[in-house]
């Protein structure tokens, strides 16, 4: 353990001062670490952007499909389509139509 401490001390301290070699090494290590962190952060943002674009296009497809489905449903419910599909029914003549008038009964004591 004491040899490890002596080795580390001899690397970083020379006459109670940090040597230029060890200062350069620390700066290089710090630069590499900051670069890796920056690269990981940018990669994460790019992946999220790609996923967001993919989800937006999928959403647009689903909205379009929903609009087409709604249009087909409205067309199927339209009166012209229903009348054309019903067979055996004819429109009555005007004189064949009889309306039943509402009968009102008043309770008597």
PDB file of N, CA and C in Angstrom:
ATOM      1  N   UNK A   1       0.822  -1.181   0.000  1.00  0.00           N
ATOM      2  CA  UNK A   1       0.000   0.000   0.000  1.00  0.00           C
ATOM      3  C   UNK A   1       0.873   1.254   0.000  1.00  0.00           C
ATOM      4  N   UNK A   2       1.961   1.195   0.752  1.00  0.00           N
ATOM      5  CA  UNK A   2       2.830   2.367   0.834  1.00  0.00           C
ATOM      6  C   UNK A   2       3.558   2.590  -0.493  1.00  0.00           C
ATOM      7  N   UNK A   3       3.848   1.500  -1.229  1.00  0.00           N
ATOM      8  CA  UNK A   3       4.506   1.674  -2.528  1.00  0.00           C
ATOM      9  C   UNK A   3       3.564   2.313  -3.527  1.00  0.00           C
ATOM     10  N   UNK A   4       2.264   1.961  -3.440  1.00  0.00           N
ATOM     11  CA  UNK A   4       1.276   2.570  -4.325  1.00  0.00           C
ATOM     12  C   UNK A   4       1.151   4.061  -4.029  1.00  0.00           C
ATOM     13  N   UNK A   5       1.137   4.400  -2.766  1.00  0.00           N
ATOM     14  CA  UNK A   5       1.070   5.799  -2.371  1.00  0.00           C
ATOM     15  C   UNK A   5       2.309   6.548  -2.832  1.00  0.00           C
ATOM     16  N   UNK A   6       3.459   5.928  -2.705  1.00  0.00           N
ATOM     17  CA  UNK A   6       4.695   6.557  -3.160  1.00  0.00           C
ATOM     18  C   UNK A   6       4.702   6.737  -4.676  1.00  0.00           C
ATOM     19  N   UNK A   7       4.179   5.746  -5.392  1.00  0.00           N
ATOM     20  CA  UNK A   7       4.148   5.829  -6.846  1.00  0.00           C
ATOM     21  C   UNK A   7       3.219   6.945  -7.294  1.00  0.00           C
ATOM     22  N   UNK A   8       2.032   7.024  -6.704  1.00  0.00           N
ATOM     23  CA  UNK A   8       1.096   8.096  -7.050  1.00  0.00           C
ATOM     24  C   UNK A   8       1.653   9.455  -6.681  1.00  0.00           C
ATOM     25  N   UNK A   9       2.269   9.513  -5.524  1.00  0.00           N
ATOM     26  CA  UNK A   9       2.855  10.788  -5.083  1.00  0.00           C
ATOM     27  C   UNK A   9       3.973  11.209  -6.031  1.00  0.00           C
ATOM     28  N   UNK A  10       4.772  10.264  -6.486  1.00  0.00           N
ATOM     29  CA  UNK A  10       5.884  10.620  -7.375  1.00  0.00           C
ATOM     30  C   UNK A  10       5.372  11.037  -8.755  1.00  0.00           C
ATOM     31  N   UNK A  11       4.204  10.530  -9.153  1.00  0.00           N
ATOM     32  CA  UNK A  11       3.631  10.929 -10.442  1.00  0.00           C
ATOM     33  C   UNK A  11       3.122  12.365 -10.400  1.00  0.00           C
ATOM     34  N   UNK A  12       2.393  12.693  -9.340  1.00  0.00           N
ATOM     35  CA  UNK A  12       1.716  13.981  -9.296  1.00  0.00           C
ATOM     36  C   UNK A  12       2.492  15.076  -8.568  1.00  0.00           C
ATOM     37  N   UNK A  13       3.367  14.705  -7.703  1.00  0.00           N
ATOM     38  CA  UNK A  13       4.057  15.719  -6.911  1.00  0.00           C
ATOM     39  C   UNK A  13       5.557  15.572  -7.118  1.00  0.00           C
ATOM     40  N   UNK A  14       6.170  16.645  -7.473  1.00  0.00           N
ATOM     41  CA  UNK A  14       7.625  16.659  -7.589  1.00  0.00           C
ATOM     42  C   UNK A  14       8.084  17.933  -6.883  1.00  0.00           C
ATOM     43  N   UNK A  15       8.697  17.749  -5.779  1.00  0.00           N
ATOM     44  CA  UNK A  15       9.129  18.878  -4.943  1.00  0.00           C
ATOM     45  C   UNK A  15       7.939  19.744  -4.538  1.00  0.00           C
ATOM     46  N   UNK A  16       6.867  19.092  -4.104  1.00  0.00           N
ATOM     47  CA  UNK A  16       5.665  19.762  -3.619  1.00  0.00           C
ATOM     48  C   UNK A  16       4.953  20.570  -4.704  1.00  0.00           C
ATOM     49  N   UNK A  17       5.212  20.291  -5.950  1.00  0.00           N
ATOM     50  CA  UNK A  17       4.519  20.948  -7.055  1.00  0.00           C
ATOM     51  C   UNK A  17       4.021  19.879  -8.024  1.00  0.00           C
ATOM     52  N   UNK A  18       2.956  20.194  -8.730  1.00  0.00           N
ATOM     53  CA  UNK A  18       2.442  19.247  -9.724  1.00  0.00           C
ATOM     54  C   UNK A  18       3.313  19.361 -10.970  1.00  0.00           C
ATOM     55  N   UNK A  19       3.756  18.225 -11.453  1.00  0.00           N
ATOM     56  CA  UNK A  19       4.628  18.249 -12.624  1.00  0.00           C
ATOM     57  C   UNK A  19       3.807  18.562 -13.874  1.00  0.00           C
ATOM     58  N   UNK A  20       4.432  19.083 -14.879  1.00  0.00           N
ATOM     59  CA  UNK A  20       3.743  19.434 -16.126  1.00  0.00           C
ATOM     60  C   UNK A  20       3.240  18.179 -16.838  1.00  0.00           C
ATOM     61  N   UNK A  21       3.942  17.076 -16.688  1.00  0.00           N
ATOM     62  CA  UNK A  21       3.508  15.820 -17.290  1.00  0.00           C
ATOM     63  C   UNK A  21       2.189  15.359 -16.684  1.00  0.00           C
ATOM     64  N   UNK A  22       2.100  15.388 -15.371  1.00  0.00           N
ATOM     65  CA  UNK A  22       0.867  14.942 -14.719  1.00  0.00           C
ATOM     66  C   UNK A  22      -0.271  15.935 -14.970  1.00  0.00           C
ATOM     67  N   UNK A  23       0.017  17.228 -15.061  1.00  0.00           N
ATOM     68  CA  UNK A  23      -1.005  18.222 -15.366  1.00  0.00           C
ATOM     69  C   UNK A  23      -1.554  18.006 -16.780  1.00  0.00           C
ATOM     70  N   UNK A  24      -0.680  17.729 -17.716  1.00  0.00           N
ATOM     71  CA  UNK A  24      -1.109  17.434 -19.085  1.00  0.00           C
ATOM     72  C   UNK A  24      -1.954  16.176 -19.147  1.00  0.00           C
ATOM     73  N   UNK A  25      -1.525  15.153 -18.381  1.00  0.00           N
ATOM     74  CA  UNK A  25      -2.301  13.911 -18.342  1.00  0.00           C
ATOM     75  C   UNK A  25      -3.704  14.130 -17.773  1.00  0.00           C
ATOM     76  N   UNK A  26      -3.787  14.911 -16.707  1.00  0.00           N
ATOM     77  CA  UNK A  26      -5.098  15.210 -16.118  1.00  0.00           C
ATOM     78  C   UNK A  26      -5.982  15.986 -17.084  1.00  0.00           C
ATOM     79  N   UNK A  27      -5.400  16.928 -17.797  1.00  0.00           N
ATOM     80  CA  UNK A  27      -6.173  17.699 -18.778  1.00  0.00           C
ATOM     81  C   UNK A  27      -6.654  16.806 -19.912  1.00  0.00           C
ATOM     82  N   UNK A  28      -5.813  15.901 -20.357  1.00  0.00           N
ATOM     83  CA  UNK A  28      -6.197  14.974 -21.413  1.00  0.00           C
ATOM     84  C   UNK A  28      -7.319  14.056 -20.953  1.00  0.00           C
ATOM     85  N   UNK A  29      -7.213  13.529 -19.756  1.00  0.00           N
ATOM     86  CA  UNK A  29      -8.255  12.656 -19.217  1.00  0.00           C
ATOM     87  C   UNK A  29      -9.568  13.427 -19.064  1.00  0.00           C
ATOM     88  N   UNK A  30      -9.498  14.662 -18.550  1.00  0.00           N
ATOM     89  CA  UNK A  30     -10.704  15.476 -18.392  1.00  0.00           C
ATOM     90  C   UNK A  30     -11.345  15.774 -19.738  1.00  0.00           C
ATOM     91  N   UNK A  31     -10.538  16.052 -20.756  1.00  0.00           N
ATOM     92  CA  UNK A  31     -11.053  16.326 -22.099  1.00  0.00           C
ATOM     93  C   UNK A  31     -11.749  15.099 -22.678  1.00  0.00           C
ATOM     94  N   UNK A  32     -11.140  13.937 -22.517  1.00  0.00           N
ATOM     95  CA  UNK A  32     -11.735  12.698 -23.029  1.00  0.00           C
ATOM     96  C   UNK A  32     -13.051  12.404 -22.318  1.00  0.00           C
ATOM     97  N   UNK A  33     -13.086  12.569 -21.001  1.00  0.00           N
ATOM     98  CA  UNK A  33     -14.315  12.313 -20.238  1.00  0.00           C
ATOM     99  C   UNK A  33     -15.422  13.268 -20.664  1.00  0.00           C
ATOM    100  N   UNK A  34     -15.110  14.548 -20.807  1.00  0.00           N
ATOM    101  CA  UNK A  34     -16.119  15.525 -21.233  1.00  0.00           C
ATOM    102  C   UNK A  34     -16.601  15.221 -22.650  1.00  0.00           C
ATOM    103  N   UNK A  35     -15.690  14.796 -23.514  1.00  0.00           N
ATOM    104  CA  UNK A  35     -16.080  14.426 -24.873  1.00  0.00           C
ATOM    105  C   UNK A  35     -17.018  13.238 -24.898  1.00  0.00           C
ATOM    106  N   UNK A  36     -16.715  12.234 -24.075  1.00  0.00           N
ATOM    107  CA  UNK A  36     -17.591  11.059 -24.023  1.00  0.00           C
ATOM    108  C   UNK A  36     -18.969  11.406 -23.480  1.00  0.00           C
ATOM    109  N   UNK A  37     -19.016  12.252 -22.454  1.00  0.00           N
ATOM    110  CA  UNK A  37     -20.312  12.669 -21.899  1.00  0.00           C
ATOM    111  C   UNK A  37     -21.099  13.462 -22.935  1.00  0.00           C
ATOM    112  N   UNK A  38     -20.425  14.361 -23.641  1.00  0.00           N
ATOM    113  CA  UNK A  38     -21.078  15.152 -24.682  1.00  0.00           C
ATOM    114  C   UNK A  38     -21.595  14.257 -25.805  1.00  0.00           C
ATOM    115  N   UNK A  39     -20.795  13.292 -26.210  1.00  0.00           N
ATOM    116  CA  UNK A  39     -21.188  12.371 -27.273  1.00  0.00           C
ATOM    117  C   UNK A  39     -22.402  11.546 -26.858  1.00  0.00           C
ATOM    118  N   UNK A  40     -22.411  11.056 -25.631  1.00  0.00           N
ATOM    119  CA  UNK A  40     -23.553  10.274 -25.149  1.00  0.00           C
ATOM    120  C   UNK A  40     -24.811  11.129 -25.096  1.00  0.00           C
ATOM    121  N   UNK A  41     -24.686  12.373 -24.665  1.00  0.00           N
ATOM    122  CA  UNK A  41     -25.837  13.272 -24.583  1.00  0.00           C
ATOM    123  C   UNK A  41     -26.400  13.577 -25.972  1.00  0.00           C
ATOM    124  N   UNK A  42     -25.518  13.887 -26.917  1.00  0.00           N
ATOM    125  CA  UNK A  42     -25.973  14.176 -28.275  1.00  0.00           C
ATOM    126  C   UNK A  42     -26.601  12.951 -28.936  1.00  0.00           C
ATOM    127  N   UNK A  43     -26.038  11.782 -28.669  1.00  0.00           N
ATOM    128  CA  UNK A  43     -26.593  10.552 -29.217  1.00  0.00           C
ATOM    129  C   UNK A  43     -27.995  10.311 -28.669  1.00  0.00           C
ATOM    130  N   UNK A  44     -28.191  10.557 -27.378  1.00  0.00           N
ATOM    131  CA  UNK A  44     -29.500  10.376 -26.758  1.00  0.00           C
ATOM    132  C   UNK A  44     -30.529  11.332 -27.371  1.00  0.00           C
ATOM    133  N   UNK A  45     -30.129  12.588 -27.587  1.00  0.00           N
ATOM    134  CA  UNK A  45     -31.043  13.563 -28.194  1.00  0.00           C
ATOM    135  C   UNK A  45     -31.396  13.174 -29.626  1.00  0.00           C
ATOM    136  N   UNK A  46     -30.421  12.690 -30.375  1.00  0.00           N
ATOM    137  CA  UNK A  46     -30.683  12.273 -31.759  1.00  0.00           C
ATOM    138  C   UNK A  46     -31.633  11.082 -31.806  1.00  0.00           C
ATOM    139  N   UNK A  47     -31.452  10.139 -30.886  1.00  0.00           N
ATOM    140  CA  UNK A  47     -32.337   8.969 -30.847  1.00  0.00           C
ATOM    141  C   UNK A  47     -33.764   9.388 -30.502  1.00  0.00           C
ATOM    142  N   UNK A  48     -33.914  10.302 -29.540  1.00  0.00           N
ATOM    143  CA  UNK A  48     -35.243  10.769 -29.168  1.00  0.00           C
ATOM    144  C   UNK A  48     -35.885  11.538 -30.314  1.00  0.00           C
ATOM    145  N   UNK A  49     -35.122  12.328 -31.033  1.00  0.00           N
ATOM    146  CA  UNK A  49     -35.654  13.056 -32.184  1.00  0.00           C
ATOM    147  C   UNK A  49     -36.125  12.117 -33.276  1.00  0.00           C
ATOM    148  N   UNK A  50     -35.343  11.082 -33.530  1.00  0.00           N
ATOM    149  CA  UNK A  50     -35.734  10.093 -34.542  1.00  0.00           C
ATOM    150  C   UNK A  50     -37.010   9.374 -34.118  1.00  0.00           C
ATOM    151  N   UNK A  51     -37.095   8.992 -32.857  1.00  0.00           N
ATOM    152  CA  UNK A  51     -38.277   8.299 -32.359  1.00  0.00           C
ATOM    153  C   UNK A  51     -39.502   9.216 -32.410  1.00  0.00           C
ATOM    154  N   UNK A  52     -39.328  10.493 -32.095  1.00  0.00           N
ATOM    155  CA  UNK A  52     -40.425  11.450 -32.142  1.00  0.00           C
ATOM    156  C   UNK A  52     -40.943  11.613 -33.566  1.00  0.00           C
ATOM    157  N   UNK A  53     -40.038  11.708 -34.529  1.00  0.00           N
ATOM    158  CA  UNK A  53     -40.439  11.821 -35.929  1.00  0.00           C
ATOM    159  C   UNK A  53     -41.205  10.585 -36.376  1.00  0.00           C
ATOM    160  N   UNK A  54     -40.737   9.426 -35.966  1.00  0.00           N
ATOM    161  CA  UNK A  54     -41.402   8.171 -36.327  1.00  0.00           C
ATOM    162  C   UNK A  54     -42.804   8.105 -35.725  1.00  0.00           C
ATOM    163  N   UNK A  55     -42.938   8.507 -34.466  1.00  0.00           N
ATOM    164  CA  UNK A  55     -44.245   8.481 -33.812  1.00  0.00           C
ATOM    165  C   UNK A  55     -45.204   9.507 -34.416  1.00  0.00           C
ATOM    166  N   UNK A  56     -44.688  10.669 -34.816  1.00  0.00           N
ATOM    167  CA  UNK A  56     -45.544  11.665 -35.450  1.00  0.00           C
ATOM    168  C   UNK A  56     -46.072  11.168 -36.790  1.00  0.00           C
ATOM    169  N   UNK A  57     -45.247  10.500 -37.570  1.00  0.00           N
ATOM    170  CA  UNK A  57     -45.719   9.968 -38.859  1.00  0.00           C
ATOM    171  C   UNK A  57     -46.726   8.848 -38.639  1.00  0.00           C
ATOM    172  N   UNK A  58     -46.508   8.020 -37.619  1.00  0.00           N
ATOM    173  CA  UNK A  58     -47.466   6.955 -37.306  1.00  0.00           C
ATOM    174  C   UNK A  58     -48.800   7.547 -36.851  1.00  0.00           C
ATOM    175  N   UNK A  59     -48.745   8.618 -36.051  1.00  0.00           N
ATOM    176  CA  UNK A  59     -49.957   9.291 -35.603  1.00  0.00           C
ATOM    177  C   UNK A  59     -50.723   9.869 -36.786  1.00  0.00           C
ATOM    178  N   UNK A  60     -49.995  10.474 -37.729  1.00  0.00           N
ATOM    179  CA  UNK A  60     -50.655  11.050 -38.902  1.00  0.00           C
ATOM    180  C   UNK A  60     -51.342   9.963 -39.725  1.00  0.00           C
ATOM    181  N   UNK A  61     -50.719   8.803 -39.851  1.00  0.00           N
ATOM    182  CA  UNK A  61     -51.344   7.687 -40.554  1.00  0.00           C
ATOM    183  C   UNK A  61     -52.623   7.249 -39.857  1.00  0.00           C
ATOM    184  N   UNK A  62     -52.571   7.168 -38.525  1.00  0.00           N
ATOM    185  CA  UNK A  62     -53.752   6.748 -37.769  1.00  0.00           C
ATOM    186  C   UNK A  62     -54.875   7.778 -37.867  1.00  0.00           C
ATOM    187  N   UNK A  63     -54.535   9.060 -37.868  1.00  0.00           N
ATOM    188  CA  UNK A  63     -55.555  10.100 -38.014  1.00  0.00           C
ATOM    189  C   UNK A  63     -56.210   9.986 -39.386  1.00  0.00           C
ATOM    190  N   UNK A  64     -55.410   9.770 -40.419  1.00  0.00           N
ATOM    191  CA  UNK A  64     -55.950   9.616 -41.770  1.00  0.00           C
ATOM    192  C   UNK A  64     -56.852   8.390 -41.852  1.00  0.00           C
ATOM    193  N   UNK A  65     -56.422   7.275 -41.260  1.00  0.00           N
ATOM    194  CA  UNK A  65     -57.259   6.071 -41.248  1.00  0.00           C
ATOM    195  C   UNK A  65     -58.566   6.315 -40.513  1.00  0.00           C
ATOM    196  N   UNK A  66     -58.512   7.052 -39.400  1.00  0.00           N
ATOM    197  CA  UNK A  66     -59.731   7.366 -38.656  1.00  0.00           C
ATOM    198  C   UNK A  66     -60.684   8.221 -39.469  1.00  0.00           C
ATOM    199  N   UNK A  67     -60.159   9.190 -40.215  1.00  0.00           N
ATOM    200  CA  UNK A  67     -61.010  10.033 -41.056  1.00  0.00           C
ATOM    201  C   UNK A  67     -61.658   9.216 -42.160  1.00  0.00           C
ATOM    202  N   UNK A  68     -60.903   8.298 -42.765  1.00  0.00           N
ATOM    203  CA  UNK A  68     -61.471   7.448 -43.813  1.00  0.00           C
ATOM    204  C   UNK A  68     -62.562   6.554 -43.228  1.00  0.00           C
ATOM    205  N   UNK A  69     -62.312   6.013 -42.039  1.00  0.00           N
ATOM    206  CA  UNK A  69     -63.309   5.160 -41.380  1.00  0.00           C
ATOM    207  C   UNK A  69     -64.570   5.953 -41.066  1.00  0.00           C
ATOM    208  N   UNK A  70     -64.422   7.167 -40.569  1.00  0.00           N
ATOM    209  CA  UNK A  70     -65.580   8.004 -40.283  1.00  0.00           C
ATOM    210  C   UNK A  70     -66.373   8.312 -41.548  1.00  0.00           C
ATOM    211  N   UNK A  71     -65.660   8.597 -42.638  1.00  0.00           N
ATOM    212  CA  UNK A  71     -66.332   8.887 -43.900  1.00  0.00           C
ATOM    213  C   UNK A  71     -67.109   7.671 -44.399  1.00  0.00           C
ATOM    214  N   UNK A  72     -66.507   6.488 -44.314  1.00  0.00           N
ATOM    215  CA  UNK A  72     -67.191   5.275 -44.750  1.00  0.00           C
ATOM    216  C   UNK A  72     -68.404   4.978 -43.872  1.00  0.00           C
ATOM    217  N   UNK A  73     -68.288   5.246 -42.569  1.00  0.00           N
ATOM    218  CA  UNK A  73     -69.416   5.029 -41.659  1.00  0.00           C
ATOM    219  C   UNK A  73     -70.559   5.977 -41.996  1.00  0.00           C
ATOM    220  N   UNK A  74     -70.244   7.233 -42.234  1.00  0.00           N
ATOM    221  CA  UNK A  74     -71.292   8.196 -42.591  1.00  0.00           C
ATOM    222  C   UNK A  74     -71.947   7.845 -43.920  1.00  0.00           C
ATOM    223  N   UNK A  75     -71.136   7.392 -44.863  1.00  0.00           N
ATOM    224  CA  UNK A  75     -71.703   6.986 -46.153  1.00  0.00           C
ATOM    225  C   UNK A  75     -72.624   5.779 -45.979  1.00  0.00           C
ATOM    226  N   UNK A  76     -72.228   4.816 -45.136  1.00  0.00           N
ATOM    227  CA  UNK A  76     -73.060   3.631 -44.923  1.00  0.00           C
ATOM    228  C   UNK A  76     -74.359   3.982 -44.209  1.00  0.00           C
ATOM    229  N   UNK A  77     -74.340   5.042 -43.383  1.00  0.00           N
ATOM    230  CA  UNK A  77     -75.542   5.436 -42.652  1.00  0.00           C
ATOM    231  C   UNK A  77     -76.429   6.403 -43.429  1.00  0.00           C
ATOM    232  N   UNK A  78     -75.990   6.842 -44.586  1.00  0.00           N
ATOM    233  CA  UNK A  78     -76.783   7.812 -45.334  1.00  0.00           C
ATOM    234  C   UNK A  78     -78.083   7.175 -45.820  1.00  0.00           C
ATOM    235  N   UNK A  79     -79.124   7.991 -45.956  1.00  0.00           N
ATOM    236  CA  UNK A  79     -80.453   7.500 -46.304  1.00  0.00           C
ATOM    237  C   UNK A  79     -80.494   6.900 -47.699  1.00  0.00           C
ATOM    238  N   UNK A  80     -79.726   7.471 -48.638  1.00  0.00           N
ATOM    239  CA  UNK A  80     -79.729   6.938 -50.005  1.00  0.00           C
ATOM    240  C   UNK A  80     -79.224   5.502 -50.040  1.00  0.00           C
ATOM    241  N   UNK A  81     -78.171   5.218 -49.294  1.00  0.00           N
ATOM    242  CA  UNK A  81     -77.609   3.862 -49.264  1.00  0.00           C
ATOM    243  C   UNK A  81     -78.590   2.899 -48.592  1.00  0.00           C
ATOM    244  N   UNK A  82     -79.193   3.345 -47.520  1.00  0.00           N
ATOM    245  CA  UNK A  82     -80.148   2.479 -46.810  1.00  0.00           C
ATOM    246  C   UNK A  82     -81.346   2.179 -47.703  1.00  0.00           C
ATOM    247  N   UNK A  83     -81.879   3.191 -48.389  1.00  0.00           N
ATOM    248  CA  UNK A  83     -83.031   2.967 -49.271  1.00  0.00           C
ATOM    249  C   UNK A  83     -82.674   2.078 -50.453  1.00  0.00           C
ATOM    250  N   UNK A  84     -81.449   2.200 -50.953  1.00  0.00           N
ATOM    251  CA  UNK A  84     -81.071   1.370 -52.102  1.00  0.00           C
ATOM    252  C   UNK A  84     -80.870  -0.090 -51.699  1.00  0.00           C
ATOM    253  N   UNK A  85     -80.550  -0.340 -50.449  1.00  0.00           N
ATOM    254  CA  UNK A  85     -80.305  -1.719 -50.009  1.00  0.00           C
ATOM    255  C   UNK A  85     -81.568  -2.418 -49.526  1.00  0.00           C
ATOM    256  N   UNK A  86     -82.558  -1.655 -49.142  1.00  0.00           N
ATOM    257  CA  UNK A  86     -83.795  -2.259 -48.658  1.00  0.00           C
ATOM    258  C   UNK A  86     -84.595  -2.706 -49.871  1.00  0.00           C
ATOM    259  N   UNK A  87     -84.958  -3.988 -49.896  1.00  0.00           N
ATOM    260  CA  UNK A  87     -85.720  -4.519 -51.029  1.00  0.00           C
ATOM    261  C   UNK A  87     -87.139  -4.837 -50.578  1.00  0.00           C
ATOM    262  N   UNK A  88     -88.040  -4.745 -51.481  1.00  0.00           N
ATOM    263  CA  UNK A  88     -89.431  -5.070 -51.185  1.00  0.00           C
ATOM    264  C   UNK A  88     -90.210  -3.931 -50.571  1.00  0.00           C
ATOM    265  N   UNK A  89     -89.634  -2.801 -50.422  1.00  0.00           N
ATOM    266  CA  UNK A  89     -90.347  -1.664 -49.859  1.00  0.00           C
ATOM    267  C   UNK A  89     -90.543  -0.621 -50.943  1.00  0.00           C
ATOM    268  N   UNK A  90     -91.717  -0.055 -50.944  1.00  0.00           N
ATOM    269  CA  UNK A  90     -92.030   0.978 -51.925  1.00  0.00           C
ATOM    270  C   UNK A  90     -92.547   2.189 -51.166  1.00  0.00           C
ATOM    271  N   UNK A  91     -92.399   3.335 -51.760  1.00  0.00           N
ATOM    272  CA  UNK A  91     -92.933   4.539 -51.157  1.00  0.00           C
ATOM    273  C   UNK A  91     -94.453   4.521 -51.320  1.00  0.00           C
ATOM    274  N   UNK A  92     -95.187   4.819 -50.244  1.00  0.00           N
ATOM    275  CA  UNK A  92     -96.653   4.826 -50.364  1.00  0.00           C
ATOM    276  C   UNK A  92     -97.119   6.067 -51.127  1.00  0.00           C
ATOM    277  N   UNK A  93     -98.256   5.898 -51.740  1.00  0.00           N
ATOM    278  CA  UNK A  93     -98.866   7.051 -52.422  1.00  0.00           C
ATOM    279  C   UNK A  93     -99.420   7.988 -51.359  1.00  0.00           C
ATOM    280  N   UNK A  94     -99.679   9.206 -51.748  1.00  0.00           N
ATOM    281  CA  UNK A  94    -100.141  10.220 -50.799  1.00  0.00           C
ATOM    282  C   UNK A  94    -101.468   9.826 -50.155  1.00  0.00           C
ATOM    283  N   UNK A  95    -102.343   9.221 -50.927  1.00  0.00           N
ATOM    284  CA  UNK A  95    -103.660   8.859 -50.389  1.00  0.00           C
ATOM    285  C   UNK A  95    -103.613   7.634 -49.483  1.00  0.00           C
ATOM    286  N   UNK A  96    -102.511   6.878 -49.513  1.00  0.00           N
ATOM    287  CA  UNK A  96    -102.382   5.695 -48.656  1.00  0.00           C
ATOM    288  C   UNK A  96    -101.877   6.040 -47.257  1.00  0.00           C
ATOM    289  N   UNK A  97    -101.445   7.261 -47.057  1.00  0.00           N
ATOM    290  CA  UNK A  97    -100.898   7.647 -45.766  1.00  0.00           C
ATOM    291  C   UNK A  97    -102.028   8.136 -44.866  1.00  0.00           C
ATOM    292  N   UNK A  98    -102.139   7.532 -43.687  1.00  0.00           N
ATOM    293  CA  UNK A  98    -103.145   7.939 -42.708  1.00  0.00           C
ATOM    294  C   UNK A  98    -102.407   8.210 -41.405  1.00  0.00           C
ATOM    295  N   UNK A  99    -102.622   9.365 -40.860  1.00  0.00           N
ATOM    296  CA  UNK A  99    -101.991   9.736 -39.600  1.00  0.00           C
ATOM    297  C   UNK A  99    -102.966   9.489 -38.472  1.00  0.00           C
ATOM    298  N   UNK A 100    -102.529   8.912 -37.395  1.00  0.00           N
ATOM    299  CA  UNK A 100    -103.345   8.671 -36.222  1.00  0.00           C
ATOM    300  C   UNK A 100    -103.193   9.876 -35.312  1.00  0.00           C
ATOM    301  N   UNK A 101    -104.301  10.509 -35.039  1.00  0.00           N
ATOM    302  CA  UNK A 101    -104.260  11.671 -34.174  1.00  0.00           C
ATOM    303  C   UNK A 101    -104.165  11.220 -32.736  1.00  0.00           C
ATOM    304  N   UNK A 102    -103.458  11.924 -31.925  1.00  0.00           N
ATOM    305  CA  UNK A 102    -103.342  11.496 -30.545  1.00  0.00           C
ATOM    306  C   UNK A 102    -104.676  11.635 -29.816  1.00  0.00           C
ATOM    307  N   UNK A 103    -105.018  10.600 -29.082  1.00  0.00           N
ATOM    308  CA  UNK A 103    -106.260  10.591 -28.325  1.00  0.00           C
ATOM    309  C   UNK A 103    -105.911  10.980 -26.890  1.00  0.00           C
ATOM    310  N   UNK A 104    -106.579  12.027 -26.418  1.00  0.00           N
ATOM    311  CA  UNK A 104    -106.325  12.453 -25.055  1.00  0.00           C
ATOM    312  C   UNK A 104    -107.505  12.061 -24.198  1.00  0.00           C
ATOM    313  N   UNK A 105    -107.214  11.441 -23.113  1.00  0.00           N
ATOM    314  CA  UNK A 105    -108.248  11.020 -22.174  1.00  0.00           C
ATOM    315  C   UNK A 105    -108.031  11.793 -20.878  1.00  0.00           C
ATOM    316  N   UNK A 106    -109.112  12.358 -20.416  1.00  0.00           N
ATOM    317  CA  UNK A 106    -109.032  13.096 -19.178  1.00  0.00           C
ATOM    318  C   UNK A 106    -109.651  12.236 -18.082  1.00  0.00           C
ATOM    319  N   UNK A 107    -108.970  12.054 -17.042  1.00  0.00           N
ATOM    320  CA  UNK A 107    -109.482  11.236 -15.958  1.00  0.00           C
ATOM    321  C   UNK A 107    -110.708  11.902 -15.334  1.00  0.00           C
ATOM    322  N   UNK A 108    -111.716  11.079 -15.087  1.00  0.00           N
ATOM    323  CA  UNK A 108    -112.926  11.613 -14.461  1.00  0.00           C
ATOM    324  C   UNK A 108    -113.081  10.990 -13.100  1.00  0.00           C
ATOM    325  N   UNK A 109    -113.667  11.790 -12.187  1.00  0.00           N
ATOM    326  CA  UNK A 109    -113.915  11.288 -10.848  1.00  0.00           C
ATOM    327  C   UNK A 109    -115.213  10.551 -10.769  1.00  0.00           C
TER     328      UNK A 109
END
